[in-house]
């Protein structure tokens, strides 16, 4: 795993730097990982953060 801090140091992104062959029926290479929550195009790009806080709460 590789980790990168956001410019404000409030968030950290972790991403894999290797390819996985462990689970052949559940591959993520070339596809990515499905998100837990999907934001569709009905939410304006400038308003996504307010939407997420309103719907899912702030941690």
Protein backbone atom coordinates (compact mmCIF):
# COMPACT_ATOMS: atom_id res chain seq x y z
CA UNK A 1 0.00 0.00 0.00
CA UNK A 2 1.03 3.54 -0.68
CA UNK A 3 -0.43 6.45 1.30
CA UNK A 4 -0.68 10.10 0.28
CA UNK A 5 -1.87 12.92 2.55
CA UNK A 6 -4.22 15.59 1.22
CA UNK A 7 -2.91 19.16 1.00
CA UNK A 8 -4.82 20.11 4.16
CA UNK A 9 -3.51 17.00 6.01
CA UNK A 10 -7.07 16.16 7.00
CA UNK A 11 -7.42 13.10 4.74
CA UNK A 12 -5.18 10.28 3.61
CA UNK A 13 -5.56 8.23 0.42
CA UNK A 14 -4.34 4.63 0.45
CA UNK A 15 -3.87 2.74 -2.79
CA UNK A 16 -2.37 -0.56 -3.84
CA UNK A 17 0.89 -0.59 -5.74
CA UNK A 18 0.78 -4.26 -6.73
CA UNK A 19 -1.42 -6.58 -8.76
CA UNK A 20 -3.47 -9.25 -7.01
CA UNK A 21 -3.89 -12.78 -8.35
CA UNK A 22 -5.24 -14.19 -5.09
CA UNK A 23 -9.00 -14.27 -5.80
CA UNK A 24 -9.62 -15.08 -9.49
CA UNK A 25 -13.42 -14.60 -9.35
CA UNK A 26 -13.21 -11.25 -7.54
CA UNK A 27 -10.54 -9.39 -9.48
CA UNK A 28 -10.27 -5.62 -9.14
CA UNK A 29 -7.36 -4.98 -11.49
CA UNK A 30 -8.41 -2.88 -14.51
CA UNK A 31 -11.85 -2.40 -12.86
CA UNK A 32 -11.28 -0.82 -9.47
CA UNK A 33 -13.21 -1.27 -6.26
CA UNK A 34 -16.93 -0.57 -6.25
CA UNK A 35 -17.75 2.31 -3.88
CA UNK A 36 -20.01 1.81 -0.88
CA UNK A 37 -22.02 4.86 -1.92
CA UNK A 38 -22.67 6.17 -5.43
CA UNK A 39 -23.22 9.86 -6.21
CA UNK A 40 -25.11 10.23 -9.47
CA UNK A 41 -25.23 13.19 -11.85
CA UNK A 42 -28.25 14.72 -10.08
CA UNK A 43 -25.87 16.17 -7.48
CA UNK A 44 -24.09 19.24 -8.78
CA UNK A 45 -20.30 18.96 -8.64
CA UNK A 46 -19.98 22.05 -6.44
CA UNK A 47 -22.52 20.65 -3.95
CA UNK A 48 -21.33 17.06 -3.39
CA UNK A 49 -19.68 17.68 -0.03
CA UNK A 50 -22.78 19.35 1.47
CA UNK A 51 -24.89 16.46 0.12
CA UNK A 52 -22.66 13.81 1.69
CA UNK A 53 -22.64 15.55 5.07
CA UNK A 54 -26.42 15.99 5.00
CA UNK A 55 -27.24 12.42 3.94
CA UNK A 56 -24.53 10.40 5.65
CA UNK A 57 -23.62 12.60 8.59
CA UNK A 58 -20.29 13.94 9.61
CA UNK A 59 -17.83 11.59 11.32
